[in-house]
Amino acid sequence: MPGIVIVGVQWGDEGKGKATDLLGERTDWVVKFNGGNNAGHTVVIGDEKYALHLLPSGILSPGVHPVIGNGVVVDPEVLFEELDALTARGI
């Protein structure tokens, strides 16, 4: 089974989130495997902007299953705030 892997060699600001979001529509799963909520990705769909910190970029593509791996430092308060914000927007 083929897979797409995006790996960065810098610690941010290199476009991993944007690339993941663009490729998300061609995948079944998107996985965040490390880091924490200090990272952030802004996803733009049409005129709408979405700020993601703990949820993996690419989740806004229909049919994509998000996975938060065991290497991610999860702050439950931040995670629930992010989920609530998306829910409030109908996602």
PDB file of N, CA and C in Angstrom:
ATOM      1  N   MET A   1       0.839  -1.164   0.000  1.00  0.00           N
ATOM      2  CA  MET A   1       0.000   0.000   0.000  1.00  0.00           C
ATOM      3  C   MET A   1       0.895   1.242   0.000  1.00  0.00           C
ATOM      4  N   PRO A   2       0.729   2.120  -0.975  1.00  0.00           N
ATOM      5  CA  PRO A   2       1.561   3.335  -1.026  1.00  0.00           C
ATOM      6  C   PRO A   2       1.157   4.314   0.067  1.00  0.00           C
ATOM      7  N   GLY A   3       2.091   5.142   0.442  1.00  0.00           N
ATOM      8  CA  GLY A   3       1.843   6.156   1.449  1.00  0.00           C
ATOM      9  C   GLY A   3       2.531   7.453   1.094  1.00  0.00           C
ATOM     10  N   ILE A   4       2.089   8.521   1.683  1.00  0.00           N
ATOM     11  CA  ILE A   4       2.702   9.838   1.521  1.00  0.00           C
ATOM     12  C   ILE A   4       3.217  10.256   2.887  1.00  0.00           C
ATOM     13  N   VAL A   5       4.483  10.611   2.969  1.00  0.00           N
ATOM     14  CA  VAL A   5       5.073  11.046   4.224  1.00  0.00           C
ATOM     15  C   VAL A   5       5.679  12.427   4.009  1.00  0.00           C
ATOM     16  N   ILE A   6       5.351  13.351   4.895  1.00  0.00           N
ATOM     17  CA  ILE A   6       5.931  14.687   4.849  1.00  0.00           C
ATOM     18  C   ILE A   6       6.774  14.845   6.100  1.00  0.00           C
ATOM     19  N   VAL A   7       8.061  15.067   5.895  1.00  0.00           N
ATOM     20  CA  VAL A   7       8.990  15.202   7.012  1.00  0.00           C
ATOM     21  C   VAL A   7       9.740  16.518   6.854  1.00  0.00           C
ATOM     22  N   GLY A   8       9.836  17.250   7.929  1.00  0.00           N
ATOM     23  CA  GLY A   8      10.596  18.492   7.902  1.00  0.00           C
ATOM     24  C   GLY A   8      11.879  18.340   8.686  1.00  0.00           C
ATOM     25  N   VAL A   9      12.912  19.036   8.243  1.00  0.00           N
ATOM     26  CA  VAL A   9      14.192  18.975   8.952  1.00  0.00           C
ATOM     27  C   VAL A   9      14.447  20.248   9.751  1.00  0.00           C
ATOM     28  N   GLN A  10      13.489  21.154   9.700  1.00  0.00           N
ATOM     29  CA  GLN A  10      13.572  22.362  10.506  1.00  0.00           C
ATOM     30  C   GLN A  10      12.451  22.285  11.541  1.00  0.00           C
ATOM     31  N   TRP A  11      12.444  23.147  12.491  1.00  0.00           N
ATOM     32  CA  TRP A  11      11.443  23.102  13.549  1.00  0.00           C
ATOM     33  C   TRP A  11      10.336  24.108  13.289  1.00  0.00           C
ATOM     34  N   GLY A  12       9.697  24.014  12.146  1.00  0.00           N
ATOM     35  CA  GLY A  12       8.550  24.865  11.862  1.00  0.00           C
ATOM     36  C   GLY A  12       8.801  25.844  10.746  1.00  0.00           C
ATOM     37  N   ASP A  13       7.723  26.493  10.330  1.00  0.00           N
ATOM     38  CA  ASP A  13       7.759  27.519   9.283  1.00  0.00           C
ATOM     39  C   ASP A  13       8.351  27.023   7.980  1.00  0.00           C
ATOM     40  N   GLU A  14       8.138  25.751   7.683  1.00  0.00           N
ATOM     41  CA  GLU A  14       8.652  25.226   6.423  1.00  0.00           C
ATOM     42  C   GLU A  14       7.548  24.718   5.501  1.00  0.00           C
ATOM     43  N   GLY A  15       6.306  24.838   5.930  1.00  0.00           N
ATOM     44  CA  GLY A  15       5.185  24.504   5.074  1.00  0.00           C
ATOM     45  C   GLY A  15       4.639  23.097   5.208  1.00  0.00           C
ATOM     46  N   LYS A  16       5.031  22.364   6.253  1.00  0.00           N
ATOM     47  CA  LYS A  16       4.526  20.990   6.420  1.00  0.00           C
ATOM     48  C   LYS A  16       3.004  20.967   6.542  1.00  0.00           C
ATOM     49  N   GLY A  17       2.458  21.883   7.318  1.00  0.00           N
ATOM     50  CA  GLY A  17       1.016  21.910   7.522  1.00  0.00           C
ATOM     51  C   GLY A  17       0.260  22.215   6.244  1.00  0.00           C
ATOM     52  N   LYS A  18       0.757  23.171   5.472  1.00  0.00           N
ATOM     53  CA  LYS A  18       0.098  23.514   4.213  1.00  0.00           C
ATOM     54  C   LYS A  18       0.180  22.361   3.220  1.00  0.00           C
ATOM     55  N   ALA A  19       1.338  21.718   3.145  1.00  0.00           N
ATOM     56  CA  ALA A  19       1.502  20.569   2.245  1.00  0.00           C
ATOM     57  C   ALA A  19       0.580  19.432   2.672  1.00  0.00           C
ATOM     58  N   THR A  20       0.491  19.192   3.978  1.00  0.00           N
ATOM     59  CA  THR A  20      -0.382  18.132   4.480  1.00  0.00           C
ATOM     60  C   THR A  20      -1.826  18.431   4.147  1.00  0.00           C
ATOM     61  N   ASP A  21      -2.238  19.675   4.315  1.00  0.00           N
ATOM     62  CA  ASP A  21      -3.609  20.040   4.003  1.00  0.00           C
ATOM     63  C   ASP A  21      -3.899  19.847   2.521  1.00  0.00           C
ATOM     64  N   LEU A  22      -2.979  20.247   1.669  1.00  0.00           N
ATOM     65  CA  LEU A  22      -3.183  20.085   0.224  1.00  0.00           C
ATOM     66  C   LEU A  22      -3.252  18.618  -0.180  1.00  0.00           C
ATOM     67  N   LEU A  23      -2.421  17.786   0.441  1.00  0.00           N
ATOM     68  CA  LEU A  23      -2.406  16.366   0.096  1.00  0.00           C
ATOM     69  C   LEU A  23      -3.477  15.579   0.833  1.00  0.00           C
ATOM     70  N   GLY A  24      -4.092  16.181   1.859  1.00  0.00           N
ATOM     71  CA  GLY A  24      -5.092  15.494   2.663  1.00  0.00           C
ATOM     72  C   GLY A  24      -6.249  14.942   1.857  1.00  0.00           C
ATOM     73  N   GLU A  25      -6.639  15.645   0.817  1.00  0.00           N
ATOM     74  CA  GLU A  25      -7.775  15.179   0.015  1.00  0.00           C
ATOM     75  C   GLU A  25      -7.447  13.922  -0.782  1.00  0.00           C
ATOM     76  N   ARG A  26      -6.176  13.538  -0.839  1.00  0.00           N
ATOM     77  CA  ARG A  26      -5.765  12.324  -1.555  1.00  0.00           C
ATOM     78  C   ARG A  26      -5.439  11.176  -0.597  1.00  0.00           C
ATOM     79  N   THR A  27      -5.744  11.346   0.682  1.00  0.00           N
ATOM     80  CA  THR A  27      -5.399  10.326   1.668  1.00  0.00           C
ATOM     81  C   THR A  27      -6.621   9.918   2.490  1.00  0.00           C
ATOM     82  N   ASP A  28      -6.480   8.814   3.190  1.00  0.00           N
ATOM     83  CA  ASP A  28      -7.538   8.357   4.097  1.00  0.00           C
ATOM     84  C   ASP A  28      -7.251   8.757   5.539  1.00  0.00           C
ATOM     85  N   TRP A  29      -5.985   8.943   5.888  1.00  0.00           N
ATOM     86  CA  TRP A  29      -5.555   9.220   7.255  1.00  0.00           C
ATOM     87  C   TRP A  29      -4.560  10.377   7.264  1.00  0.00           C
ATOM     88  N   VAL A  30      -4.613  11.217   8.273  1.00  0.00           N
ATOM     89  CA  VAL A  30      -3.567  12.200   8.549  1.00  0.00           C
ATOM     90  C   VAL A  30      -3.150  12.007   9.999  1.00  0.00           C
ATOM     91  N   VAL A  31      -1.848  12.042  10.246  1.00  0.00           N
ATOM     92  CA  VAL A  31      -1.329  11.703  11.563  1.00  0.00           C
ATOM     93  C   VAL A  31      -0.387  12.792  12.057  1.00  0.00           C
ATOM     94  N   LYS A  32      -0.611  13.253  13.270  1.00  0.00           N
ATOM     95  CA  LYS A  32       0.356  14.112  13.962  1.00  0.00           C
ATOM     96  C   LYS A  32       1.083  13.184  14.919  1.00  0.00           C
ATOM     97  N   PHE A  33       2.389  13.088  14.774  1.00  0.00           N
ATOM     98  CA  PHE A  33       3.112  12.064  15.526  1.00  0.00           C
ATOM     99  C   PHE A  33       3.991  12.607  16.636  1.00  0.00           C
ATOM    100  N   ASN A  34       4.216  13.914  16.664  1.00  0.00           N
ATOM    101  CA  ASN A  34       5.026  14.467  17.761  1.00  0.00           C
ATOM    102  C   ASN A  34       4.682  15.933  17.967  1.00  0.00           C
ATOM    103  N   GLY A  35       5.323  16.558  18.918  1.00  0.00           N
ATOM    104  CA  GLY A  35       5.097  17.974  19.194  1.00  0.00           C
ATOM    105  C   GLY A  35       3.976  18.172  20.193  1.00  0.00           C
ATOM    106  N   GLY A  36       3.462  19.369  20.199  1.00  0.00           N
ATOM    107  CA  GLY A  36       2.399  19.729  21.130  1.00  0.00           C
ATOM    108  C   GLY A  36       1.614  20.890  20.578  1.00  0.00           C
ATOM    109  N   ASN A  37       0.883  21.578  21.444  1.00  0.00           N
ATOM    110  CA  ASN A  37       0.045  22.676  20.966  1.00  0.00           C
ATOM    111  C   ASN A  37       0.825  23.963  20.716  1.00  0.00           C
ATOM    112  N   ASN A  38       2.127  23.942  20.935  1.00  0.00           N
ATOM    113  CA  ASN A  38       2.920  25.123  20.603  1.00  0.00           C
ATOM    114  C   ASN A  38       3.053  25.272  19.091  1.00  0.00           C
ATOM    115  N   ALA A  39       2.880  24.173  18.369  1.00  0.00           N
ATOM    116  CA  ALA A  39       2.908  24.225  16.907  1.00  0.00           C
ATOM    117  C   ALA A  39       1.545  24.712  16.423  1.00  0.00           C
ATOM    118  N   GLY A  40       1.502  25.273  15.263  1.00  0.00           N
ATOM    119  CA  GLY A  40       0.227  25.719  14.723  1.00  0.00           C
ATOM    120  C   GLY A  40       0.236  25.737  13.216  1.00  0.00           C
ATOM    121  N   HIS A  41      -0.912  25.443  12.653  1.00  0.00           N
ATOM    122  CA  HIS A  41      -1.084  25.497  11.207  1.00  0.00           C
ATOM    123  C   HIS A  41      -2.353  26.276  10.923  1.00  0.00           C
ATOM    124  N   THR A  42      -2.267  27.196  10.012  1.00  0.00           N
ATOM    125  CA  THR A  42      -3.450  27.922   9.574  1.00  0.00           C
ATOM    126  C   THR A  42      -3.858  27.347   8.236  1.00  0.00           C
ATOM    127  N   VAL A  43      -5.078  26.843   8.181  1.00  0.00           N
ATOM    128  CA  VAL A  43      -5.612  26.253   6.962  1.00  0.00           C
ATOM    129  C   VAL A  43      -6.638  27.230   6.407  1.00  0.00           C
ATOM    130  N   VAL A  44      -6.540  27.527   5.112  1.00  0.00           N
ATOM    131  CA  VAL A  44      -7.475  28.435   4.469  1.00  0.00           C
ATOM    132  C   VAL A  44      -8.262  27.647   3.429  1.00  0.00           C
ATOM    133  N   ILE A  45      -9.580  27.667   3.594  1.00  0.00           N
ATOM    134  CA  ILE A  45     -10.476  27.026   2.628  1.00  0.00           C
ATOM    135  C   ILE A  45     -11.469  28.086   2.193  1.00  0.00           C
ATOM    136  N   GLY A  46     -11.361  28.492   0.935  1.00  0.00           N
ATOM    137  CA  GLY A  46     -12.187  29.605   0.459  1.00  0.00           C
ATOM    138  C   GLY A  46     -11.821  30.857   1.214  1.00  0.00           C
ATOM    139  N   ASP A  47     -12.819  31.461   1.848  1.00  0.00           N
ATOM    140  CA  ASP A  47     -12.591  32.671   2.646  1.00  0.00           C
ATOM    141  C   ASP A  47     -12.448  32.366   4.138  1.00  0.00           C
ATOM    142  N   GLU A  48     -12.498  31.087   4.495  1.00  0.00           N
ATOM    143  CA  GLU A  48     -12.454  30.684   5.905  1.00  0.00           C
ATOM    144  C   GLU A  48     -11.044  30.284   6.334  1.00  0.00           C
ATOM    145  N   LYS A  49     -10.645  30.760   7.523  1.00  0.00           N
ATOM    146  CA  LYS A  49      -9.352  30.378   8.105  1.00  0.00           C
ATOM    147  C   LYS A  49      -9.596  29.524   9.335  1.00  0.00           C
ATOM    148  N   TYR A  50      -8.797  28.485   9.471  1.00  0.00           N
ATOM    149  CA  TYR A  50      -8.892  27.577  10.612  1.00  0.00           C
ATOM    150  C   TYR A  50      -7.509  27.457  11.233  1.00  0.00           C
ATOM    151  N   ALA A  51      -7.424  27.663  12.541  1.00  0.00           N
ATOM    152  CA  ALA A  51      -6.152  27.516  13.256  1.00  0.00           C
ATOM    153  C   ALA A  51      -6.141  26.151  13.941  1.00  0.00           C
ATOM    154  N   LEU A  52      -5.184  25.327  13.590  1.00  0.00           N
ATOM    155  CA  LEU A  52      -5.048  23.991  14.170  1.00  0.00           C
ATOM    156  C   LEU A  52      -3.746  23.929  14.956  1.00  0.00           C
ATOM    157  N   HIS A  53      -3.811  23.337  16.129  1.00  0.00           N
ATOM    158  CA  HIS A  53      -2.624  23.216  16.973  1.00  0.00           C
ATOM    159  C   HIS A  53      -2.337  21.760  17.326  1.00  0.00           C
ATOM    160  N   LEU A  54      -3.338  21.061  17.811  1.00  0.00           N
ATOM    161  CA  LEU A  54      -3.147  19.658  18.173  1.00  0.00           C
ATOM    162  C   LEU A  54      -3.738  18.712  17.133  1.00  0.00           C
ATOM    163  N   LEU A  55      -4.786  19.141  16.474  1.00  0.00           N
ATOM    164  CA  LEU A  55      -5.367  18.297  15.433  1.00  0.00           C
ATOM    165  C   LEU A  55      -4.485  18.344  14.193  1.00  0.00           C
ATOM    166  N   PRO A  56      -4.297  17.217  13.544  1.00  0.00           N
ATOM    167  CA  PRO A  56      -3.424  17.206  12.365  1.00  0.00           C
ATOM    168  C   PRO A  56      -4.027  17.982  11.201  1.00  0.00           C
ATOM    169  N   SER A  57      -3.169  18.681  10.505  1.00  0.00           N
ATOM    170  CA  SER A  57      -3.584  19.395   9.310  1.00  0.00           C
ATOM    171  C   SER A  57      -4.063  18.355   8.300  1.00  0.00           C
ATOM    172  N   GLY A  58      -5.071  18.680   7.539  1.00  0.00           N
ATOM    173  CA  GLY A  58      -5.630  17.740   6.575  1.00  0.00           C
ATOM    174  C   GLY A  58      -6.979  17.204   7.007  1.00  0.00           C
ATOM    175  N   ILE A  59      -7.370  17.459   8.263  1.00  0.00           N
ATOM    176  CA  ILE A  59      -8.631  16.902   8.764  1.00  0.00           C
ATOM    177  C   ILE A  59      -9.864  17.562   8.162  1.00  0.00           C
ATOM    178  N   LEU A  60      -9.702  18.694   7.522  1.00  0.00           N
ATOM    179  CA  LEU A  60     -10.855  19.376   6.956  1.00  0.00           C
ATOM    180  C   LEU A  60     -11.257  18.802   5.600  1.00  0.00           C
ATOM    181  N   SER A  61     -10.486  17.852   5.106  1.00  0.00           N
ATOM    182  CA  SER A  61     -10.839  17.164   3.869  1.00  0.00           C
ATOM    183  C   SER A  61     -11.866  16.089   4.185  1.00  0.00           C
ATOM    184  N   PRO A  62     -12.945  16.003   3.412  1.00  0.00           N
ATOM    185  CA  PRO A  62     -13.978  14.993   3.684  1.00  0.00           C
ATOM    186  C   PRO A  62     -13.410  13.571   3.648  1.00  0.00           C
ATOM    187  N   GLY A  63     -13.829  12.765   4.602  1.00  0.00           N
ATOM    188  CA  GLY A  63     -13.451  11.364   4.624  1.00  0.00           C
ATOM    189  C   GLY A  63     -12.092  11.053   5.216  1.00  0.00           C
ATOM    190  N   VAL A  64     -11.369  12.071   5.659  1.00  0.00           N
ATOM    191  CA  VAL A  64     -10.033  11.859   6.223  1.00  0.00           C
ATOM    192  C   VAL A  64     -10.158  11.552   7.715  1.00  0.00           C
ATOM    193  N   HIS A  65      -9.438  10.538   8.167  1.00  0.00           N
ATOM    194  CA  HIS A  65      -9.434  10.147   9.572  1.00  0.00           C
ATOM    195  C   HIS A  65      -8.211  10.749  10.257  1.00  0.00           C
ATOM    196  N   PRO A  66      -8.402  11.587  11.284  1.00  0.00           N
ATOM    197  CA  PRO A  66      -7.264  12.173  11.993  1.00  0.00           C
ATOM    198  C   PRO A  66      -6.767  11.250  13.104  1.00  0.00           C
ATOM    199  N   VAL A  67      -5.455  11.210  13.281  1.00  0.00           N
ATOM    200  CA  VAL A  67      -4.841  10.429  14.350  1.00  0.00           C
ATOM    201  C   VAL A  67      -3.867  11.327  15.094  1.00  0.00           C
ATOM    202  N   ILE A  68      -3.973  11.340  16.418  1.00  0.00           N
ATOM    203  CA  ILE A  68      -2.997  12.017  17.262  1.00  0.00           C
ATOM    204  C   ILE A  68      -2.164  10.911  17.888  1.00  0.00           C
ATOM    205  N   GLY A  69      -0.901  10.818  17.489  1.00  0.00           N
ATOM    206  CA  GLY A  69      -0.035   9.732  17.933  1.00  0.00           C
ATOM    207  C   GLY A  69       0.432   9.873  19.368  1.00  0.00           C
ATOM    208  N   ASN A  70       1.020   8.792  19.875  1.00  0.00           N
ATOM    209  CA  ASN A  70       1.448   8.776  21.272  1.00  0.00           C
ATOM    210  C   ASN A  70       2.689   9.625  21.524  1.00  0.00           C
ATOM    211  N   GLY A  71       3.292  10.199  20.505  1.00  0.00           N
ATOM    212  CA  GLY A  71       4.424  11.098  20.698  1.00  0.00           C
ATOM    213  C   GLY A  71       4.027  12.554  20.835  1.00  0.00           C
ATOM    214  N   VAL A  72       2.725  12.829  20.799  1.00  0.00           N
ATOM    215  CA  VAL A  72       2.221  14.199  20.891  1.00  0.00           C
ATOM    216  C   VAL A  72       1.922  14.532  22.360  1.00  0.00           C
ATOM    217  N   VAL A  73       2.376  15.696  22.788  1.00  0.00           N
ATOM    218  CA  VAL A  73       2.066  16.179  24.129  1.00  0.00           C
ATOM    219  C   VAL A  73       0.713  16.873  24.042  1.00  0.00           C
ATOM    220  N   VAL A  74      -0.296  16.275  24.661  1.00  0.00           N
ATOM    221  CA  VAL A  74      -1.663  16.784  24.544  1.00  0.00           C
ATOM    222  C   VAL A  74      -2.058  17.532  25.809  1.00  0.00           C
ATOM    223  N   ASP A  75      -2.427  18.784  25.625  1.00  0.00           N
ATOM    224  CA  ASP A  75      -3.036  19.578  26.696  1.00  0.00           C
ATOM    225  C   ASP A  75      -4.538  19.443  26.476  1.00  0.00           C
ATOM    226  N   PRO A  76      -5.241  18.682  27.323  1.00  0.00           N
ATOM    227  CA  PRO A  76      -6.668  18.434  27.095  1.00  0.00           C
ATOM    228  C   PRO A  76      -7.498  19.704  26.938  1.00  0.00           C
ATOM    229  N   GLU A  77      -7.178  20.743  27.710  1.00  0.00           N
ATOM    230  CA  GLU A  77      -7.939  21.993  27.606  1.00  0.00           C
ATOM    231  C   GLU A  77      -7.814  22.588  26.204  1.00  0.00           C
ATOM    232  N   VAL A  78      -6.607  22.607  25.672  1.00  0.00           N
ATOM    233  CA  VAL A  78      -6.373  23.147  24.328  1.00  0.00           C
ATOM    234  C   VAL A  78      -7.063  22.274  23.276  1.00  0.00           C
ATOM    235  N   LEU A  79      -6.981  20.956  23.441  1.00  0.00           N
ATOM    236  CA  LEU A  79      -7.617  20.045  22.487  1.00  0.00           C
ATOM    237  C   LEU A  79      -9.127  20.265  22.446  1.00  0.00           C
ATOM    238  N   PHE A  80      -9.752  20.346  23.619  1.00  0.00           N
ATOM    239  CA  PHE A  80     -11.201  20.533  23.647  1.00  0.00           C
ATOM    240  C   PHE A  80     -11.604  21.910  23.124  1.00  0.00           C
ATOM    241  N   GLU A  81     -10.807  22.932  23.381  1.00  0.00           N
ATOM    242  CA  GLU A  81     -11.091  24.257  22.820  1.00  0.00           C
ATOM    243  C   GLU A  81     -11.035  24.215  21.296  1.00  0.00           C
ATOM    244  N   GLU A  82     -10.044  23.499  20.762  1.00  0.00           N
ATOM    245  CA  GLU A  82      -9.912  23.387  19.309  1.00  0.00           C
ATOM    246  C   GLU A  82     -11.090  22.619  18.717  1.00  0.00           C
ATOM    247  N   LEU A  83     -11.486  21.522  19.347  1.00  0.00           N
ATOM    248  CA  LEU A  83     -12.630  20.743  18.873  1.00  0.00           C
ATOM    249  C   LEU A  83     -13.913  21.556  18.961  1.00  0.00           C
ATOM    250  N   ASP A  84     -14.098  22.281  20.069  1.00  0.00           N
ATOM    251  CA  ASP A  84     -15.296  23.116  20.234  1.00  0.00           C
ATOM    252  C   ASP A  84     -15.363  24.211  19.174  1.00  0.00           C
ATOM    253  N   ALA A  85     -14.215  24.817  18.864  1.00  0.00           N
ATOM    254  CA  ALA A  85     -14.185  25.879  17.847  1.00  0.00           C
ATOM    255  C   ALA A  85     -14.583  25.337  16.476  1.00  0.00           C
ATOM    256  N   LEU A  86     -14.118  24.139  16.136  1.00  0.00           N
ATOM    257  CA  LEU A  86     -14.497  23.544  14.859  1.00  0.00           C
ATOM    258  C   LEU A  86     -15.971  23.147  14.859  1.00  0.00           C
ATOM    259  N   THR A  87     -16.442  22.608  15.974  1.00  0.00           N
ATOM    260  CA  THR A  87     -17.849  22.223  16.084  1.00  0.00           C
ATOM    261  C   THR A  87     -18.762  23.448  15.939  1.00  0.00           C
ATOM    262  N   ALA A  88     -18.364  24.550  16.548  1.00  0.00           N
ATOM    263  CA  ALA A  88     -19.143  25.788  16.457  1.00  0.00           C
ATOM    264  C   ALA A  88     -19.246  26.289  15.026  1.00  0.00           C
ATOM    265  N   ARG A  89     -18.282  25.899  14.202  1.00  0.00           N
ATOM    266  CA  ARG A  89     -18.297  26.313  12.794  1.00  0.00           C
ATOM    267  C   ARG A  89     -18.922  25.254  11.900  1.00  0.00           C
ATOM    268  N   GLY A  90     -19.532  24.244  12.519  1.00  0.00           N
ATOM    269  CA  GLY A  90     -20.228  23.228  11.749  1.00  0.00           C
ATOM    270  C   GLY A  90     -19.358  22.114  11.217  1.00  0.00           C
ATOM    271  N   ILE A  91     -18.181  21.954  11.808  1.00  0.00           N
ATOM    272  CA  ILE A  91     -17.259  20.910  11.335  1.00  0.00           C
ATOM    273  C   ILE A  91     -17.179  19.832  12.393  1.00  0.00           C
TER     274      ILE A  91
END
